Amino acid sequence: MQGQLLVTGVSPRPDGVTGEQFVTITGVINGPTVDEHVVYQRLAVDVDQWPTMSQLFPVMYSPKNPDNWRFAPTAAPPQAPPAGPEIY
């Protein structure tokens, strides 16, 4: 099922590092089969994409067990059109 995660708690962003690091996140999921379902999870994210309080994320969750959730896949950014011939 698709839903939205509202971040209500997040571990501090580590200083002086790059790349993926573990974050502990808590929040509530709202979706077609759940209302304010509290979730808690530790996962790896890029430090440049660290979650913040009150941030909303699209998520996918199991309708039988909403504690089993993950961030929804994001659409790929549109590609630039192919370069045409240069006109002088």
PDB file of N, CA and C in Angstrom:
ATOM      1  N   MET A   1       0.839  -1.181   0.000  1.00  0.00           N
ATOM      2  CA  MET A   1       0.000   0.000   0.000  1.00  0.00           C
ATOM      3  C   MET A   1       0.883   1.242   0.000  1.00  0.00           C
ATOM      4  N   GLN A   2       0.364   2.292  -0.572  1.00  0.00           N
ATOM      5  CA  GLN A   2       1.082   3.561  -0.547  1.00  0.00           C
ATOM      6  C   GLN A   2       0.545   4.408   0.592  1.00  0.00           C
ATOM      7  N   GLY A   3       1.444   5.135   1.231  1.00  0.00           N
ATOM      8  CA  GLY A   3       1.060   6.024   2.302  1.00  0.00           C
ATOM      9  C   GLY A   3       2.075   7.133   2.447  1.00  0.00           C
ATOM     10  N   GLN A   4       1.922   7.889   3.534  1.00  0.00           N
ATOM     11  CA  GLN A   4       2.866   8.964   3.822  1.00  0.00           C
ATOM     12  C   GLN A   4       3.381   8.803   5.239  1.00  0.00           C
ATOM     13  N   LEU A   5       4.687   9.015   5.385  1.00  0.00           N
ATOM     14  CA  LEU A   5       5.331   8.986   6.693  1.00  0.00           C
ATOM     15  C   LEU A   5       5.599  10.415   7.121  1.00  0.00           C
ATOM     16  N   LEU A   6       5.106  10.783   8.298  1.00  0.00           N
ATOM     17  CA  LEU A   6       5.432  12.064   8.915  1.00  0.00           C
ATOM     18  C   LEU A   6       6.504  11.787   9.954  1.00  0.00           C
ATOM     19  N   VAL A   7       7.687  12.380   9.785  1.00  0.00           N
ATOM     20  CA  VAL A   7       8.808  12.156  10.699  1.00  0.00           C
ATOM     21  C   VAL A   7       8.540  12.904  12.003  1.00  0.00           C
ATOM     22  N   THR A   8       8.561  12.155  13.119  1.00  0.00           N
ATOM     23  CA  THR A   8       8.367  12.764  14.435  1.00  0.00           C
ATOM     24  C   THR A   8       9.616  12.688  15.303  1.00  0.00           C
ATOM     25  N   GLY A   9      10.605  11.918  14.860  1.00  0.00           N
ATOM     26  CA  GLY A   9      11.868  11.821  15.583  1.00  0.00           C
ATOM     27  C   GLY A   9      12.949  11.299  14.663  1.00  0.00           C
ATOM     28  N   VAL A  10      14.164  11.824  14.831  1.00  0.00           N
ATOM     29  CA  VAL A  10      15.272  11.407  13.974  1.00  0.00           C
ATOM     30  C   VAL A  10      16.571  11.552  14.753  1.00  0.00           C
ATOM     31  N   SER A  11      17.480  10.593  14.571  1.00  0.00           N
ATOM     32  CA  SER A  11      18.776  10.673  15.250  1.00  0.00           C
ATOM     33  C   SER A  11      19.609  11.802  14.643  1.00  0.00           C
ATOM     34  N   PRO A  12      20.577  12.332  15.410  1.00  0.00           N
ATOM     35  CA  PRO A  12      21.393  13.446  14.914  1.00  0.00           C
ATOM     36  C   PRO A  12      22.201  13.062  13.679  1.00  0.00           C
ATOM     37  N   ARG A  13      22.328  14.012  12.770  1.00  0.00           N
ATOM     38  CA  ARG A  13      23.141  13.818  11.565  1.00  0.00           C
ATOM     39  C   ARG A  13      24.610  13.840  11.975  1.00  0.00           C
ATOM     40  N   PRO A  14      25.389  12.832  11.559  1.00  0.00           N
ATOM     41  CA  PRO A  14      26.811  12.817  11.932  1.00  0.00           C
ATOM     42  C   PRO A  14      27.585  13.918  11.209  1.00  0.00           C
ATOM     43  N   ASP A  15      28.540  14.508  11.909  1.00  0.00           N
ATOM     44  CA  ASP A  15      29.382  15.563  11.334  1.00  0.00           C
ATOM     45  C   ASP A  15      30.640  14.965  10.726  1.00  0.00           C
ATOM     46  N   GLY A  16      31.135  15.613   9.685  1.00  0.00           N
ATOM     47  CA  GLY A  16      32.433  15.260   9.128  1.00  0.00           C
ATOM     48  C   GLY A  16      32.486  13.955   8.365  1.00  0.00           C
ATOM     49  N   VAL A  17      31.345  13.451   7.915  1.00  0.00           N
ATOM     50  CA  VAL A  17      31.332  12.215   7.133  1.00  0.00           C
ATOM     51  C   VAL A  17      30.527  12.438   5.857  1.00  0.00           C
ATOM     52  N   THR A  18      30.754  11.567   4.888  1.00  0.00           N
ATOM     53  CA  THR A  18      29.990  11.614   3.648  1.00  0.00           C
ATOM     54  C   THR A  18      29.439  10.228   3.364  1.00  0.00           C
ATOM     55  N   GLY A  19      28.550  10.146   2.396  1.00  0.00           N
ATOM     56  CA  GLY A  19      28.000   8.855   2.005  1.00  0.00           C
ATOM     57  C   GLY A  19      26.892   8.388   2.924  1.00  0.00           C
ATOM     58  N   GLU A  20      26.621   7.092   2.879  1.00  0.00           N
ATOM     59  CA  GLU A  20      25.540   6.518   3.671  1.00  0.00           C
ATOM     60  C   GLU A  20      25.954   6.297   5.118  1.00  0.00           C
ATOM     61  N   GLN A  21      25.039   6.633   6.009  1.00  0.00           N
ATOM     62  CA  GLN A  21      25.204   6.416   7.442  1.00  0.00           C
ATOM     63  C   GLN A  21      23.863   5.924   7.982  1.00  0.00           C
ATOM     64  N   PHE A  22      23.897   5.277   9.141  1.00  0.00           N
ATOM     65  CA  PHE A  22      22.652   4.807   9.737  1.00  0.00           C
ATOM     66  C   PHE A  22      21.927   5.940  10.441  1.00  0.00           C
ATOM     67  N   VAL A  23      20.611   5.978  10.251  1.00  0.00           N
ATOM     68  CA  VAL A  23      19.740   6.930  10.927  1.00  0.00           C
ATOM     69  C   VAL A  23      18.637   6.126  11.611  1.00  0.00           C
ATOM     70  N   THR A  24      18.243   6.578  12.782  1.00  0.00           N
ATOM     71  CA  THR A  24      17.081   6.008  13.451  1.00  0.00           C
ATOM     72  C   THR A  24      15.955   7.012  13.285  1.00  0.00           C
ATOM     73  N   ILE A  25      14.851   6.531  12.769  1.00  0.00           N
ATOM     74  CA  ILE A  25      13.738   7.419  12.445  1.00  0.00           C
ATOM     75  C   ILE A  25      12.467   6.869  13.072  1.00  0.00           C
ATOM     76  N   THR A  26      11.638   7.764  13.587  1.00  0.00           N
ATOM     77  CA  THR A  26      10.321   7.384  14.070  1.00  0.00           C
ATOM     78  C   THR A  26       9.315   8.351  13.467  1.00  0.00           C
ATOM     79  N   GLY A  27       8.107   7.871  13.322  1.00  0.00           N
ATOM     80  CA  GLY A  27       7.082   8.715  12.725  1.00  0.00           C
ATOM     81  C   GLY A  27       5.743   8.007  12.719  1.00  0.00           C
ATOM     82  N   VAL A  28       4.810   8.596  11.990  1.00  0.00           N
ATOM     83  CA  VAL A  28       3.486   8.004  11.844  1.00  0.00           C
ATOM     84  C   VAL A  28       3.180   7.853  10.363  1.00  0.00           C
ATOM     85  N   ILE A  29       2.610   6.712  10.030  1.00  0.00           N
ATOM     86  CA  ILE A  29       2.197   6.448   8.652  1.00  0.00           C
ATOM     87  C   ILE A  29       0.690   6.628   8.552  1.00  0.00           C
ATOM     88  N   ASN A  30       0.288   7.337   7.510  1.00  0.00           N
ATOM     89  CA  ASN A  30      -1.117   7.471   7.153  1.00  0.00           C
ATOM     90  C   ASN A  30      -1.295   6.916   5.753  1.00  0.00           C
ATOM     91  N   GLY A  31      -2.336   6.133   5.572  1.00  0.00           N
ATOM     92  CA  GLY A  31      -2.610   5.553   4.265  1.00  0.00           C
ATOM     93  C   GLY A  31      -4.021   5.008   4.227  1.00  0.00           C
ATOM     94  N   PRO A  32      -4.350   4.309   3.142  1.00  0.00           N
ATOM     95  CA  PRO A  32      -5.712   3.801   2.986  1.00  0.00           C
ATOM     96  C   PRO A  32      -6.155   2.844   4.091  1.00  0.00           C
ATOM     97  N   THR A  33      -5.213   2.107   4.692  1.00  0.00           N
ATOM     98  CA  THR A  33      -5.597   1.113   5.707  1.00  0.00           C
ATOM     99  C   THR A  33      -5.075   1.437   7.100  1.00  0.00           C
ATOM    100  N   VAL A  34      -4.354   2.552   7.257  1.00  0.00           N
ATOM    101  CA  VAL A  34      -3.825   2.929   8.575  1.00  0.00           C
ATOM    102  C   VAL A  34      -4.033   4.420   8.808  1.00  0.00           C
ATOM    103  N   ASP A  35      -4.155   4.782  10.084  1.00  0.00           N
ATOM    104  CA  ASP A  35      -4.318   6.177  10.468  1.00  0.00           C
ATOM    105  C   ASP A  35      -3.411   6.446  11.663  1.00  0.00           C
ATOM    106  N   GLU A  36      -2.371   7.255  11.442  1.00  0.00           N
ATOM    107  CA  GLU A  36      -1.431   7.609  12.514  1.00  0.00           C
ATOM    108  C   GLU A  36      -0.776   6.374  13.130  1.00  0.00           C
ATOM    109  N   HIS A  37      -0.362   5.421  12.300  1.00  0.00           N
ATOM    110  CA  HIS A  37       0.305   4.209  12.790  1.00  0.00           C
ATOM    111  C   HIS A  37       1.764   4.539  13.106  1.00  0.00           C
ATOM    112  N   VAL A  38       2.164   4.396  14.365  1.00  0.00           N
ATOM    113  CA  VAL A  38       3.518   4.739  14.805  1.00  0.00           C
ATOM    114  C   VAL A  38       4.505   3.678  14.331  1.00  0.00           C
ATOM    115  N   VAL A  39       5.607   4.143  13.717  1.00  0.00           N
ATOM    116  CA  VAL A  39       6.662   3.241  13.241  1.00  0.00           C
ATOM    117  C   VAL A  39       8.013   3.739  13.730  1.00  0.00           C
ATOM    118  N   TYR A  40       8.972   2.818  13.757  1.00  0.00           N
ATOM    119  CA  TYR A  40      10.321   3.083  14.242  1.00  0.00           C
ATOM    120  C   TYR A  40      11.247   2.191  13.446  1.00  0.00           C
ATOM    121  N   GLN A  41      12.327   2.757  12.898  1.00  0.00           N
ATOM    122  CA  GLN A  41      13.224   1.936  12.092  1.00  0.00           C
ATOM    123  C   GLN A  41      14.616   2.563  12.025  1.00  0.00           C
ATOM    124  N   ARG A  42      15.611   1.696  11.881  1.00  0.00           N
ATOM    125  CA  ARG A  42      16.994   2.127  11.656  1.00  0.00           C
ATOM    126  C   ARG A  42      17.346   1.743  10.234  1.00  0.00           C
ATOM    127  N   LEU A  43      17.824   2.714   9.442  1.00  0.00           N
ATOM    128  CA  LEU A  43      18.151   2.443   8.053  1.00  0.00           C
ATOM    129  C   LEU A  43      19.298   3.326   7.600  1.00  0.00           C
ATOM    130  N   ALA A  44      19.882   2.977   6.463  1.00  0.00           N
ATOM    131  CA  ALA A  44      21.013   3.731   5.916  1.00  0.00           C
ATOM    132  C   ALA A  44      20.501   4.766   4.922  1.00  0.00           C
ATOM    133  N   VAL A  45      20.955   6.011   5.096  1.00  0.00           N
ATOM    134  CA  VAL A  45      20.630   7.084   4.155  1.00  0.00           C
ATOM    135  C   VAL A  45      21.887   7.909   3.909  1.00  0.00           C
ATOM    136  N   ASP A  46      21.913   8.597   2.792  1.00  0.00           N
ATOM    137  CA  ASP A  46      23.024   9.493   2.489  1.00  0.00           C
ATOM    138  C   ASP A  46      22.943  10.696   3.427  1.00  0.00           C
ATOM    139  N   VAL A  47      24.072  11.117   3.983  1.00  0.00           N
ATOM    140  CA  VAL A  47      24.049  12.234   4.933  1.00  0.00           C
ATOM    141  C   VAL A  47      23.539  13.518   4.290  1.00  0.00           C
ATOM    142  N   ASP A  48      23.654  13.634   2.958  1.00  0.00           N
ATOM    143  CA  ASP A  48      23.131  14.823   2.278  1.00  0.00           C
ATOM    144  C   ASP A  48      21.612  14.773   2.123  1.00  0.00           C
ATOM    145  N   GLN A  49      21.003  13.631   2.418  1.00  0.00           N
ATOM    146  CA  GLN A  49      19.548  13.465   2.346  1.00  0.00           C
ATOM    147  C   GLN A  49      18.963  13.126   3.721  1.00  0.00           C
ATOM    148  N   TRP A  50      19.639  13.589   4.791  1.00  0.00           N
ATOM    149  CA  TRP A  50      19.232  13.240   6.155  1.00  0.00           C
ATOM    150  C   TRP A  50      17.810  13.732   6.426  1.00  0.00           C
ATOM    151  N   PRO A  51      16.946  12.867   6.974  1.00  0.00           N
ATOM    152  CA  PRO A  51      15.576  13.296   7.269  1.00  0.00           C
ATOM    153  C   PRO A  51      15.542  14.345   8.377  1.00  0.00           C
ATOM    154  N   THR A  52      14.485  15.136   8.384  1.00  0.00           N
ATOM    155  CA  THR A  52      14.306  16.167   9.405  1.00  0.00           C
ATOM    156  C   THR A  52      12.919  16.029  10.027  1.00  0.00           C
ATOM    157  N   MET A  53      12.770  16.589  11.208  1.00  0.00           N
ATOM    158  CA  MET A  53      11.483  16.579  11.901  1.00  0.00           C
ATOM    159  C   MET A  53      10.415  17.223  11.021  1.00  0.00           C
ATOM    160  N   SER A  54       9.233  16.659  11.048  1.00  0.00           N
ATOM    161  CA  SER A  54       8.051  17.139  10.323  1.00  0.00           C
ATOM    162  C   SER A  54       8.120  16.938   8.817  1.00  0.00           C
ATOM    163  N   GLN A  55       9.155  16.268   8.332  1.00  0.00           N
ATOM    164  CA  GLN A  55       9.265  16.009   6.900  1.00  0.00           C
ATOM    165  C   GLN A  55       8.290  14.891   6.517  1.00  0.00           C
ATOM    166  N   LEU A  56       7.708  15.003   5.333  1.00  0.00           N
ATOM    167  CA  LEU A  56       6.805  13.981   4.812  1.00  0.00           C
ATOM    168  C   LEU A  56       7.510  13.172   3.735  1.00  0.00           C
ATOM    169  N   PHE A  57       7.354  11.853   3.790  1.00  0.00           N
ATOM    170  CA  PHE A  57       7.936  10.961   2.791  1.00  0.00           C
ATOM    171  C   PHE A  57       6.859  10.031   2.254  1.00  0.00           C
ATOM    172  N   PRO A  58       6.824   9.809   0.936  1.00  0.00           N
ATOM    173  CA  PRO A  58       5.962   8.750   0.422  1.00  0.00           C
ATOM    174  C   PRO A  58       6.576   7.401   0.786  1.00  0.00           C
ATOM    175  N   VAL A  59       5.745   6.485   1.256  1.00  0.00           N
ATOM    176  CA  VAL A  59       6.222   5.166   1.665  1.00  0.00           C
ATOM    177  C   VAL A  59       5.329   4.079   1.083  1.00  0.00           C
ATOM    178  N   MET A  60       5.873   2.874   1.077  1.00  0.00           N
ATOM    179  CA  MET A  60       5.122   1.666   0.749  1.00  0.00           C
ATOM    180  C   MET A  60       5.093   0.837   2.033  1.00  0.00           C
ATOM    181  N   TYR A  61       3.925   0.286   2.367  1.00  0.00           N
ATOM    182  CA  TYR A  61       3.830  -0.534   3.572  1.00  0.00           C
ATOM    183  C   TYR A  61       2.936  -1.743   3.312  1.00  0.00           C
ATOM    184  N   SER A  62       3.130  -2.761   4.127  1.00  0.00           N
ATOM    185  CA  SER A  62       2.320  -3.972   4.019  1.00  0.00           C
ATOM    186  C   SER A  62       0.955  -3.722   4.656  1.00  0.00           C
ATOM    187  N   PRO A  63      -0.143  -4.015   3.952  1.00  0.00           N
ATOM    188  CA  PRO A  63      -1.461  -3.819   4.568  1.00  0.00           C
ATOM    189  C   PRO A  63      -1.696  -4.766   5.747  1.00  0.00           C
ATOM    190  N   LYS A  64      -0.982  -5.901   5.769  1.00  0.00           N
ATOM    191  CA  LYS A  64      -1.128  -6.849   6.880  1.00  0.00           C
ATOM    192  C   LYS A  64      -0.242  -6.488   8.062  1.00  0.00           C
ATOM    193  N   ASN A  65       0.855  -5.757   7.794  1.00  0.00           N
ATOM    194  CA  ASN A  65       1.789  -5.377   8.854  1.00  0.00           C
ATOM    195  C   ASN A  65       2.431  -4.037   8.496  1.00  0.00           C
ATOM    196  N   PRO A  66       1.797  -2.915   8.852  1.00  0.00           N
ATOM    197  CA  PRO A  66       2.339  -1.606   8.470  1.00  0.00           C
ATOM    198  C   PRO A  66       3.693  -1.286   9.103  1.00  0.00           C
ATOM    199  N   ASP A  67       4.132  -2.103  10.084  1.00  0.00           N
ATOM    200  CA  ASP A  67       5.489  -1.917  10.605  1.00  0.00           C
ATOM    201  C   ASP A  67       6.527  -2.315   9.556  1.00  0.00           C
ATOM    202  N   ASN A  68       6.103  -3.052   8.544  1.00  0.00           N
ATOM    203  CA  ASN A  68       6.968  -3.439   7.430  1.00  0.00           C
ATOM    204  C   ASN A  68       6.791  -2.380   6.329  1.00  0.00           C
ATOM    205  N   TRP A  69       7.625  -1.349   6.374  1.00  0.00           N
ATOM    206  CA  TRP A  69       7.509  -0.243   5.427  1.00  0.00           C
ATOM    207  C   TRP A  69       8.874   0.107   4.865  1.00  0.00           C
ATOM    208  N   ARG A  70       8.859   0.853   3.763  1.00  0.00           N
ATOM    209  CA  ARG A  70      10.086   1.371   3.161  1.00  0.00           C
ATOM    210  C   ARG A  70       9.733   2.647   2.408  1.00  0.00           C
ATOM    211  N   PHE A  71      10.752   3.445   2.123  1.00  0.00           N
ATOM    212  CA  PHE A  71      10.520   4.640   1.324  1.00  0.00           C
ATOM    213  C   PHE A  71      10.049   4.222  -0.062  1.00  0.00           C
ATOM    214  N   ALA A  72       9.086   4.937  -0.607  1.00  0.00           N
ATOM    215  CA  ALA A  72       8.591   4.638  -1.952  1.00  0.00           C
ATOM    216  C   ALA A  72       9.658   5.006  -2.972  1.00  0.00           C
ATOM    217  N   PRO A  73       9.737   4.248  -4.057  1.00  0.00           N
ATOM    218  CA  PRO A  73      10.709   4.606  -5.100  1.00  0.00           C
ATOM    219  C   PRO A  73      10.359   5.976  -5.674  1.00  0.00           C
ATOM    220  N   THR A  74      11.383   6.733  -5.978  1.00  0.00           N
ATOM    221  CA  THR A  74      11.155   8.055  -6.561  1.00  0.00           C
ATOM    222  C   THR A  74      11.279   7.961  -8.067  1.00  0.00           C
ATOM    223  N   ALA A  75      10.563   8.822  -8.734  1.00  0.00           N
ATOM    224  CA  ALA A  75      10.630   8.846 -10.196  1.00  0.00           C
ATOM    225  C   ALA A  75      11.984   9.387 -10.628  1.00  0.00           C
ATOM    226  N   ALA A  76      12.499   8.843 -11.694  1.00  0.00           N
ATOM    227  CA  ALA A  76      13.774   9.328 -12.231  1.00  0.00           C
ATOM    228  C   ALA A  76      13.575  10.733 -12.781  1.00  0.00           C
ATOM    229  N   PRO A  77      14.573  11.601 -12.616  1.00  0.00           N
ATOM    230  CA  PRO A  77      14.424  12.949 -13.168  1.00  0.00           C
ATOM    231  C   PRO A  77      14.340  12.883 -14.685  1.00  0.00           C
ATOM    232  N   PRO A  78      13.610  13.818 -15.292  1.00  0.00           N
ATOM    233  CA  PRO A  78      13.499  13.786 -16.750  1.00  0.00           C
ATOM    234  C   PRO A  78      14.858  13.989 -17.400  1.00  0.00           C
ATOM    235  N   GLN A  79      15.065  13.299 -18.503  1.00  0.00           N
ATOM    236  CA  GLN A  79      16.331  13.427 -19.219  1.00  0.00           C
ATOM    237  C   GLN A  79      16.251  14.601 -20.182  1.00  0.00           C
ATOM    238  N   ALA A  80      17.399  15.238 -20.391  1.00  0.00           N
ATOM    239  CA  ALA A  80      17.465  16.349 -21.342  1.00  0.00           C
ATOM    240  C   ALA A  80      17.258  15.799 -22.748  1.00  0.00           C
ATOM    241  N   PRO A  81      16.612  16.583 -23.610  1.00  0.00           N
ATOM    242  CA  PRO A  81      16.441  16.114 -24.987  1.00  0.00           C
ATOM    243  C   PRO A  81      17.793  16.017 -25.677  1.00  0.00           C
ATOM    244  N   PRO A  82      17.904  15.160 -26.686  1.00  0.00           N
ATOM    245  CA  PRO A  82      19.188  15.047 -27.388  1.00  0.00           C
ATOM    246  C   PRO A  82      19.560  16.368 -28.046  1.00  0.00           C
ATOM    247  N   ALA A  83      20.846  16.631 -28.076  1.00  0.00           N
ATOM    248  CA  ALA A  83      21.322  17.877 -28.681  1.00  0.00           C
ATOM    249  C   ALA A  83      21.084  17.834 -30.184  1.00  0.00           C
ATOM    250  N   GLY A  84      20.567  18.917 -30.693  1.00  0.00           N
ATOM    251  CA  GLY A  84      20.332  19.020 -32.135  1.00  0.00           C
ATOM    252  C   GLY A  84      21.527  19.661 -32.812  1.00  0.00           C
ATOM    253  N   PRO A  85      21.455  19.826 -34.109  1.00  0.00           N
ATOM    254  CA  PRO A  85      22.567  20.474 -34.815  1.00  0.00           C
ATOM    255  C   PRO A  85      22.664  21.936 -34.396  1.00  0.00           C
ATOM    256  N   GLU A  86      23.887  22.408 -34.287  1.00  0.00           N
ATOM    257  CA  GLU A  86      24.090  23.815 -33.928  1.00  0.00           C
ATOM    258  C   GLU A  86      23.848  24.681 -35.147  1.00  0.00           C
ATOM    259  N   ILE A  87      23.143  25.763 -34.929  1.00  0.00           N
ATOM    260  CA  ILE A  87      22.851  26.705 -36.015  1.00  0.00           C
ATOM    261  C   ILE A  87      23.610  27.985 -35.726  1.00  0.00           C
ATOM    262  N   TYR A  88      24.373  28.452 -36.714  1.00  0.00           N
ATOM    263  CA  TYR A  88      25.166  29.675 -36.540  1.00  0.00           C
ATOM    264  C   TYR A  88      24.555  30.812 -37.279  1.00  0.00           C
TER     265      TYR A  88
END
